[in-house]
Amino acid sequence: MAKVEIYTKAFCPYCARAMNLLASKGVTPEETDITMDGGKRQEMIQRAQGRTTVPQIFIDGTHIGGSDDLAALERAGKLDPMLA
C-alpha cells in the first residue's frame, strides 16, 4: 500500500472529508496537525509549492493537492491505482 501523508488543522471540515475518503479506502494516513505548529506549517507550504490551505495530501511523496483534488481523483477512478 502507498504511503499517504496529510497535513491538517483542527476543526477543518475539508480535512475531515479527505480523512473519511481515505478511511473508506482502508488507508490510515500519516497525519500532521499544523494548528499550533508554525514549523510544520512552513514545511507543508514548501512541500506543496506554496499552497497554504489544508488539507495538503501526498501519496508516495507526490503532491496530490487538497480535499477537492483527492475527490476528483476518486471520481476519475485514479485514486485506487495510486493507493495500491
PDB file of N, CA and C in Angstrom:
ATOM      1  N   MET A   1       0.839  -1.181   0.000  1.00  0.00           N
ATOM      2  CA  MET A   1       0.000   0.000   0.000  1.00  0.00           C
ATOM      3  C   MET A   1       0.886   1.247   0.000  1.00  0.00           C
ATOM      4  N   ALA A   2       0.422   2.278  -0.656  1.00  0.00           N
ATOM      5  CA  ALA A   2       1.161   3.526  -0.781  1.00  0.00           C
ATOM      6  C   ALA A   2       1.236   4.249   0.562  1.00  0.00           C
ATOM      7  N   LYS A   3       2.279   5.045   0.728  1.00  0.00           N
ATOM      8  CA  LYS A   3       2.408   5.896   1.915  1.00  0.00           C
ATOM      9  C   LYS A   3       1.627   7.183   1.648  1.00  0.00           C
ATOM     10  N   VAL A   4       0.667   7.469   2.532  1.00  0.00           N
ATOM     11  CA  VAL A   4      -0.162   8.663   2.382  1.00  0.00           C
ATOM     12  C   VAL A   4       0.116   9.593   3.558  1.00  0.00           C
ATOM     13  N   GLU A   5       0.413  10.846   3.235  1.00  0.00           N
ATOM     14  CA  GLU A   5       0.651  11.873   4.246  1.00  0.00           C
ATOM     15  C   GLU A   5      -0.382  12.979   4.053  1.00  0.00           C
ATOM     16  N   ILE A   6      -0.873  13.514   5.164  1.00  0.00           N
ATOM     17  CA  ILE A   6      -1.859  14.585   5.087  1.00  0.00           C
ATOM     18  C   ILE A   6      -1.582  15.618   6.173  1.00  0.00           C
ATOM     19  N   TYR A   7      -1.535  16.868   5.758  1.00  0.00           N
ATOM     20  CA  TYR A   7      -1.404  17.991   6.693  1.00  0.00           C
ATOM     21  C   TYR A   7      -2.806  18.510   6.980  1.00  0.00           C
ATOM     22  N   THR A   8      -3.139  18.644   8.262  1.00  0.00           N
ATOM     23  CA  THR A   8      -4.482  19.039   8.663  1.00  0.00           C
ATOM     24  C   THR A   8      -4.434  20.141   9.718  1.00  0.00           C
ATOM     25  N   LYS A   9      -5.621  20.685  10.008  1.00  0.00           N
ATOM     26  CA  LYS A   9      -5.829  21.607  11.128  1.00  0.00           C
ATOM     27  C   LYS A   9      -7.048  21.122  11.901  1.00  0.00           C
ATOM     28  N   ALA A  10      -7.101  21.474  13.169  1.00  0.00           N
ATOM     29  CA  ALA A  10      -8.239  21.118  13.999  1.00  0.00           C
ATOM     30  C   ALA A  10      -9.513  21.774  13.450  1.00  0.00           C
ATOM     31  N   PHE A  11     -10.621  21.060  13.540  1.00  0.00           N
ATOM     32  CA  PHE A  11     -11.947  21.558  13.157  1.00  0.00           C
ATOM     33  C   PHE A  11     -12.074  21.935  11.684  1.00  0.00           C
ATOM     34  N   CYS A  12     -11.274  21.321  10.837  1.00  0.00           N
ATOM     35  CA  CYS A  12     -11.300  21.613   9.402  1.00  0.00           C
ATOM     36  C   CYS A  12     -12.226  20.608   8.708  1.00  0.00           C
ATOM     37  N   PRO A  13     -13.363  21.068   8.159  1.00  0.00           N
ATOM     38  CA  PRO A  13     -14.284  20.123   7.518  1.00  0.00           C
ATOM     39  C   PRO A  13     -13.706  19.480   6.259  1.00  0.00           C
ATOM     40  N   TYR A  14     -12.848  20.188   5.541  1.00  0.00           N
ATOM     41  CA  TYR A  14     -12.230  19.625   4.342  1.00  0.00           C
ATOM     42  C   TYR A  14     -11.238  18.528   4.715  1.00  0.00           C
ATOM     43  N   CYS A  15     -10.545  18.732   5.830  1.00  0.00           N
ATOM     44  CA  CYS A  15      -9.620  17.707   6.324  1.00  0.00           C
ATOM     45  C   CYS A  15     -10.398  16.456   6.704  1.00  0.00           C
ATOM     46  N   ALA A  16     -11.522  16.643   7.395  1.00  0.00           N
ATOM     47  CA  ALA A  16     -12.355  15.513   7.802  1.00  0.00           C
ATOM     48  C   ALA A  16     -12.878  14.768   6.579  1.00  0.00           C
ATOM     49  N   ARG A  17     -13.277  15.509   5.555  1.00  0.00           N
ATOM     50  CA  ARG A  17     -13.782  14.880   4.330  1.00  0.00           C
ATOM     51  C   ARG A  17     -12.691  14.035   3.666  1.00  0.00           C
ATOM     52  N   ALA A  18     -11.487  14.570   3.590  1.00  0.00           N
ATOM     53  CA  ALA A  18     -10.374  13.825   2.986  1.00  0.00           C
ATOM     54  C   ALA A  18     -10.032  12.593   3.819  1.00  0.00           C
ATOM     55  N   MET A  19     -10.006  12.750   5.138  1.00  0.00           N
ATOM     56  CA  MET A  19      -9.698  11.628   6.022  1.00  0.00           C
ATOM     57  C   MET A  19     -10.767  10.536   5.887  1.00  0.00           C
ATOM     58  N   ASN A  20     -12.024  10.925   5.770  1.00  0.00           N
ATOM     59  CA  ASN A  20     -13.103   9.954   5.619  1.00  0.00           C
ATOM     60  C   ASN A  20     -12.993   9.188   4.302  1.00  0.00           C
ATOM     61  N   LEU A  21     -12.653   9.894   3.227  1.00  0.00           N
ATOM     62  CA  LEU A  21     -12.484   9.221   1.938  1.00  0.00           C
ATOM     63  C   LEU A  21     -11.335   8.223   2.013  1.00  0.00           C
ATOM     64  N   LEU A  22     -10.231   8.639   2.605  1.00  0.00           N
ATOM     65  CA  LEU A  22      -9.092   7.731   2.734  1.00  0.00           C
ATOM     66  C   LEU A  22      -9.448   6.537   3.614  1.00  0.00           C
ATOM     67  N   ALA A  23     -10.177   6.782   4.700  1.00  0.00           N
ATOM     68  CA  ALA A  23     -10.589   5.686   5.588  1.00  0.00           C
ATOM     69  C   ALA A  23     -11.482   4.692   4.848  1.00  0.00           C
ATOM     70  N   SER A  24     -12.337   5.209   3.954  1.00  0.00           N
ATOM     71  CA  SER A  24     -13.218   4.321   3.190  1.00  0.00           C
ATOM     72  C   SER A  24     -12.422   3.414   2.260  1.00  0.00           C
ATOM     73  N   LYS A  25     -11.197   3.809   1.977  1.00  0.00           N
ATOM     74  CA  LYS A  25     -10.301   3.013   1.128  1.00  0.00           C
ATOM     75  C   LYS A  25      -9.397   2.102   1.965  1.00  0.00           C
ATOM     76  N   GLY A  26      -9.579   2.136   3.285  1.00  0.00           N
ATOM     77  CA  GLY A  26      -8.743   1.332   4.171  1.00  0.00           C
ATOM     78  C   GLY A  26      -7.374   1.926   4.421  1.00  0.00           C
ATOM     79  N   VAL A  27      -7.232   3.224   4.183  1.00  0.00           N
ATOM     80  CA  VAL A  27      -5.942   3.905   4.324  1.00  0.00           C
ATOM     81  C   VAL A  27      -5.928   4.706   5.625  1.00  0.00           C
ATOM     82  N   THR A  28      -4.870   4.532   6.403  1.00  0.00           N
ATOM     83  CA  THR A  28      -4.638   5.357   7.585  1.00  0.00           C
ATOM     84  C   THR A  28      -3.421   6.227   7.274  1.00  0.00           C
ATOM     85  N   PRO A  29      -3.664   7.483   6.917  1.00  0.00           N
ATOM     86  CA  PRO A  29      -2.541   8.329   6.519  1.00  0.00           C
ATOM     87  C   PRO A  29      -1.705   8.766   7.715  1.00  0.00           C
ATOM     88  N   GLU A  30      -0.488   9.174   7.419  1.00  0.00           N
ATOM     89  CA  GLU A  30       0.366   9.811   8.413  1.00  0.00           C
ATOM     90  C   GLU A  30      -0.107  11.261   8.505  1.00  0.00           C
ATOM     91  N   GLU A  31      -0.755  11.612   9.608  1.00  0.00           N
ATOM     92  CA  GLU A  31      -1.370  12.933   9.759  1.00  0.00           C
ATOM     93  C   GLU A  31      -0.455  13.876  10.523  1.00  0.00           C
ATOM     94  N   THR A  32      -0.287  15.087   9.986  1.00  0.00           N
ATOM     95  CA  THR A  32       0.471  16.140  10.658  1.00  0.00           C
ATOM     96  C   THR A  32      -0.468  17.310  10.883  1.00  0.00           C
ATOM     97  N   ASP A  33      -0.797  17.561  12.147  1.00  0.00           N
ATOM     98  CA  ASP A  33      -1.682  18.668  12.517  1.00  0.00           C
ATOM     99  C   ASP A  33      -0.834  19.930  12.649  1.00  0.00           C
ATOM    100  N   ILE A  34      -1.123  20.937  11.811  1.00  0.00           N
ATOM    101  CA  ILE A  34      -0.330  22.164  11.811  1.00  0.00           C
ATOM    102  C   ILE A  34      -1.007  23.296  12.577  1.00  0.00           C
ATOM    103  N   THR A  35      -2.086  22.996  13.308  1.00  0.00           N
ATOM    104  CA  THR A  35      -2.853  24.025  14.003  1.00  0.00           C
ATOM    105  C   THR A  35      -1.961  24.925  14.854  1.00  0.00           C
ATOM    106  N   MET A  36      -1.099  24.330  15.647  1.00  0.00           N
ATOM    107  CA  MET A  36      -0.269  25.102  16.576  1.00  0.00           C
ATOM    108  C   MET A  36       1.225  24.945  16.288  1.00  0.00           C
ATOM    109  N   ASP A  37       1.574  24.538  15.091  1.00  0.00           N
ATOM    110  CA  ASP A  37       2.973  24.251  14.779  1.00  0.00           C
ATOM    111  C   ASP A  37       3.404  24.995  13.522  1.00  0.00           C
ATOM    112  N   GLY A  38       3.964  26.183  13.716  1.00  0.00           N
ATOM    113  CA  GLY A  38       4.403  27.012  12.592  1.00  0.00           C
ATOM    114  C   GLY A  38       5.475  26.356  11.747  1.00  0.00           C
ATOM    115  N   GLY A  39       6.347  25.574  12.380  1.00  0.00           N
ATOM    116  CA  GLY A  39       7.401  24.897  11.634  1.00  0.00           C
ATOM    117  C   GLY A  39       6.838  23.870  10.676  1.00  0.00           C
ATOM    118  N   LYS A  40       5.870  23.097  11.140  1.00  0.00           N
ATOM    119  CA  LYS A  40       5.236  22.096  10.277  1.00  0.00           C
ATOM    120  C   LYS A  40       4.407  22.772   9.192  1.00  0.00           C
ATOM    121  N   ARG A  41       3.813  23.924   9.514  1.00  0.00           N
ATOM    122  CA  ARG A  41       3.061  24.681   8.508  1.00  0.00           C
ATOM    123  C   ARG A  41       4.005  25.129   7.388  1.00  0.00           C
ATOM    124  N   GLN A  42       5.169  25.641   7.750  1.00  0.00           N
ATOM    125  CA  GLN A  42       6.150  26.066   6.747  1.00  0.00           C
ATOM    126  C   GLN A  42       6.628  24.881   5.915  1.00  0.00           C
ATOM    127  N   GLU A  43       6.812  23.738   6.559  1.00  0.00           N
ATOM    128  CA  GLU A  43       7.200  22.516   5.847  1.00  0.00           C
ATOM    129  C   GLU A  43       6.136  22.160   4.806  1.00  0.00           C
ATOM    130  N   MET A  44       4.859  22.231   5.220  1.00  0.00           N
ATOM    131  CA  MET A  44       3.761  21.930   4.305  1.00  0.00           C
ATOM    132  C   MET A  44       3.758  22.882   3.122  1.00  0.00           C
ATOM    133  N   ILE A  45       3.882  24.164   3.384  1.00  0.00           N
ATOM    134  CA  ILE A  45       3.859  25.177   2.316  1.00  0.00           C
ATOM    135  C   ILE A  45       4.989  24.921   1.318  1.00  0.00           C
ATOM    136  N   GLN A  46       6.155  24.596   1.838  1.00  0.00           N
ATOM    137  CA  GLN A  46       7.293  24.325   0.953  1.00  0.00           C
ATOM    138  C   GLN A  46       7.039  23.072   0.111  1.00  0.00           C
ATOM    139  N   ARG A  47       6.553  22.007   0.734  1.00  0.00           N
ATOM    140  CA  ARG A  47       6.310  20.766   0.006  1.00  0.00           C
ATOM    141  C   ARG A  47       5.171  20.905  -0.995  1.00  0.00           C
ATOM    142  N   ALA A  48       4.200  21.777  -0.688  1.00  0.00           N
ATOM    143  CA  ALA A  48       3.005  21.930  -1.532  1.00  0.00           C
ATOM    144  C   ALA A  48       3.141  23.086  -2.520  1.00  0.00           C
ATOM    145  N   GLN A  49       4.356  23.450  -2.867  1.00  0.00           N
ATOM    146  CA  GLN A  49       4.632  24.509  -3.846  1.00  0.00           C
ATOM    147  C   GLN A  49       3.894  25.815  -3.526  1.00  0.00           C
ATOM    148  N   GLY A  50       3.887  26.199  -2.253  1.00  0.00           N
ATOM    149  CA  GLY A  50       3.327  27.488  -1.869  1.00  0.00           C
ATOM    150  C   GLY A  50       1.869  27.463  -1.458  1.00  0.00           C
ATOM    151  N   ARG A  51       1.213  26.342  -1.585  1.00  0.00           N
ATOM    152  CA  ARG A  51      -0.204  26.279  -1.168  1.00  0.00           C
ATOM    153  C   ARG A  51      -0.288  26.341   0.344  1.00  0.00           C
ATOM    154  N   THR A  52      -1.234  27.135   0.837  1.00  0.00           N
ATOM    155  CA  THR A  52      -1.332  27.380   2.275  1.00  0.00           C
ATOM    156  C   THR A  52      -2.586  26.789   2.910  1.00  0.00           C
ATOM    157  N   THR A  53      -3.500  26.278   2.104  1.00  0.00           N
ATOM    158  CA  THR A  53      -4.745  25.738   2.647  1.00  0.00           C
ATOM    159  C   THR A  53      -4.558  24.287   3.086  1.00  0.00           C
ATOM    160  N   VAL A  54      -5.413  23.858   3.980  1.00  0.00           N
ATOM    161  CA  VAL A  54      -5.404  22.460   4.396  1.00  0.00           C
ATOM    162  C   VAL A  54      -6.704  21.809   3.973  1.00  0.00           C
ATOM    163  N   PRO A  55      -6.683  20.521   3.740  1.00  0.00           N
ATOM    164  CA  PRO A  55      -5.532  19.633   3.853  1.00  0.00           C
ATOM    165  C   PRO A  55      -4.627  19.726   2.630  1.00  0.00           C
ATOM    166  N   GLN A  56      -3.403  19.289   2.811  1.00  0.00           N
ATOM    167  CA  GLN A  56      -2.489  19.055   1.698  1.00  0.00           C
ATOM    168  C   GLN A  56      -2.100  17.591   1.790  1.00  0.00           C
ATOM    169  N   ILE A  57      -2.266  16.892   0.678  1.00  0.00           N
ATOM    170  CA  ILE A  57      -2.152  15.436   0.668  1.00  0.00           C
ATOM    171  C   ILE A  57      -1.023  15.005  -0.268  1.00  0.00           C
ATOM    172  N   PHE A  58      -0.258  14.013   0.201  1.00  0.00           N
ATOM    173  CA  PHE A  58       0.850  13.449  -0.566  1.00  0.00           C
ATOM    174  C   PHE A  58       0.691  11.935  -0.589  1.00  0.00           C
ATOM    175  N   ILE A  59       0.833  11.344  -1.763  1.00  0.00           N
ATOM    176  CA  ILE A  59       0.811   9.891  -1.902  1.00  0.00           C
ATOM    177  C   ILE A  59       2.157   9.462  -2.461  1.00  0.00           C
ATOM    178  N   ASP A  60       2.865   8.650  -1.684  1.00  0.00           N
ATOM    179  CA  ASP A  60       4.225   8.221  -2.032  1.00  0.00           C
ATOM    180  C   ASP A  60       5.112   9.418  -2.384  1.00  0.00           C
ATOM    181  N   GLY A  61       4.955  10.510  -1.626  1.00  0.00           N
ATOM    182  CA  GLY A  61       5.781  11.687  -1.807  1.00  0.00           C
ATOM    183  C   GLY A  61       5.325  12.634  -2.895  1.00  0.00           C
ATOM    184  N   THR A  62       4.333  12.242  -3.691  1.00  0.00           N
ATOM    185  CA  THR A  62       3.813  13.085  -4.766  1.00  0.00           C
ATOM    186  C   THR A  62       2.680  13.949  -4.230  1.00  0.00           C
ATOM    187  N   HIS A  63       2.765  15.249  -4.470  1.00  0.00           N
ATOM    188  CA  HIS A  63       1.737  16.174  -4.003  1.00  0.00           C
ATOM    189  C   HIS A  63       0.456  15.969  -4.807  1.00  0.00           C
ATOM    190  N   ILE A  64      -0.622  15.649  -4.110  1.00  0.00           N
ATOM    191  CA  ILE A  64      -1.927  15.432  -4.739  1.00  0.00           C
ATOM    192  C   ILE A  64      -2.738  16.714  -4.748  1.00  0.00           C
ATOM    193  N   GLY A  65      -2.613  17.485  -3.669  1.00  0.00           N
ATOM    194  CA  GLY A  65      -3.396  18.710  -3.517  1.00  0.00           C
ATOM    195  C   GLY A  65      -4.270  18.616  -2.293  1.00  0.00           C
ATOM    196  N   GLY A  66      -5.458  19.212  -2.378  1.00  0.00           N
ATOM    197  CA  GLY A  66      -6.362  19.262  -1.249  1.00  0.00           C
ATOM    198  C   GLY A  66      -7.497  18.259  -1.357  1.00  0.00           C
ATOM    199  N   SER A  67      -8.507  18.495  -0.537  1.00  0.00           N
ATOM    200  CA  SER A  67      -9.658  17.600  -0.464  1.00  0.00           C
ATOM    201  C   SER A  67     -10.384  17.490  -1.806  1.00  0.00           C
ATOM    202  N   ASP A  68     -10.592  18.620  -2.471  1.00  0.00           N
ATOM    203  CA  ASP A  68     -11.275  18.600  -3.773  1.00  0.00           C
ATOM    204  C   ASP A  68     -10.464  17.819  -4.802  1.00  0.00           C
ATOM    205  N   ASP A  69      -9.149  17.953  -4.757  1.00  0.00           N
ATOM    206  CA  ASP A  69      -8.279  17.230  -5.693  1.00  0.00           C
ATOM    207  C   ASP A  69      -8.348  15.723  -5.441  1.00  0.00           C
ATOM    208  N   LEU A  70      -8.372  15.349  -4.158  1.00  0.00           N
ATOM    209  CA  LEU A  70      -8.493  13.939  -3.802  1.00  0.00           C
ATOM    210  C   LEU A  70      -9.826  13.376  -4.292  1.00  0.00           C
ATOM    211  N   ALA A  71     -10.909  14.129  -4.087  1.00  0.00           N
ATOM    212  CA  ALA A  71     -12.237  13.696  -4.533  1.00  0.00           C
ATOM    213  C   ALA A  71     -12.288  13.581  -6.060  1.00  0.00           C
ATOM    214  N   ALA A  72     -11.619  14.491  -6.761  1.00  0.00           N
ATOM    215  CA  ALA A  72     -11.593  14.436  -8.228  1.00  0.00           C
ATOM    216  C   ALA A  72     -10.867  13.182  -8.708  1.00  0.00           C
ATOM    217  N   LEU A  73      -9.781  12.810  -8.035  1.00  0.00           N
ATOM    218  CA  LEU A  73      -9.080  11.572  -8.390  1.00  0.00           C
ATOM    219  C   LEU A  73      -9.991  10.372  -8.204  1.00  0.00           C
ATOM    220  N   GLU A  74     -10.764  10.382  -7.119  1.00  0.00           N
ATOM    221  CA  GLU A  74     -11.697   9.284  -6.859  1.00  0.00           C
ATOM    222  C   GLU A  74     -12.758   9.205  -7.950  1.00  0.00           C
ATOM    223  N   ARG A  75     -13.352  10.348  -8.302  1.00  0.00           N
ATOM    224  CA  ARG A  75     -14.387  10.376  -9.351  1.00  0.00           C
ATOM    225  C   ARG A  75     -13.848   9.877 -10.689  1.00  0.00           C
ATOM    226  N   ALA A  76     -12.586  10.195 -10.960  1.00  0.00           N
ATOM    227  CA  ALA A  76     -11.974   9.807 -12.237  1.00  0.00           C
ATOM    228  C   ALA A  76     -11.475   8.360 -12.227  1.00  0.00           C
ATOM    229  N   GLY A  77     -11.598   7.679 -11.080  1.00  0.00           N
ATOM    230  CA  GLY A  77     -11.130   6.312 -10.997  1.00  0.00           C
ATOM    231  C   GLY A  77      -9.615   6.179 -10.891  1.00  0.00           C
ATOM    232  N   LYS A  78      -8.942   7.270 -10.529  1.00  0.00           N
ATOM    233  CA  LYS A  78      -7.477   7.266 -10.485  1.00  0.00           C
ATOM    234  C   LYS A  78      -6.907   7.080  -9.085  1.00  0.00           C
ATOM    235  N   LEU A  79      -7.765   7.197  -8.055  1.00  0.00           N
ATOM    236  CA  LEU A  79      -7.254   7.132  -6.685  1.00  0.00           C
ATOM    237  C   LEU A  79      -6.838   5.717  -6.298  1.00  0.00           C
ATOM    238  N   ASP A  80      -7.668   4.721  -6.582  1.00  0.00           N
ATOM    239  CA  ASP A  80      -7.349   3.349  -6.191  1.00  0.00           C
ATOM    240  C   ASP A  80      -5.997   2.880  -6.736  1.00  0.00           C
ATOM    241  N   PRO A  81      -5.693   3.108  -8.017  1.00  0.00           N
ATOM    242  CA  PRO A  81      -4.366   2.682  -8.506  1.00  0.00           C
ATOM    243  C   PRO A  81      -3.219   3.398  -7.803  1.00  0.00           C
ATOM    244  N   MET A  82      -3.426   4.650  -7.416  1.00  0.00           N
ATOM    245  CA  MET A  82      -2.361   5.381  -6.720  1.00  0.00           C
ATOM    246  C   MET A  82      -2.140   4.824  -5.324  1.00  0.00           C
ATOM    247  N   LEU A  83      -3.200   4.313  -4.703  1.00  0.00           N
ATOM    248  CA  LEU A  83      -3.097   3.796  -3.343  1.00  0.00           C
ATOM    249  C   LEU A  83      -2.611   2.353  -3.280  1.00  0.00           C
ATOM    250  N   ALA A  84      -2.659   1.661  -4.422  1.00  0.00           N
ATOM    251  CA  ALA A  84      -2.299   0.235  -4.435  1.00  0.00           C
ATOM    252  C   ALA A  84      -0.816   0.012  -4.138  1.00  0.00           C
TER     253      ALA A  84
END
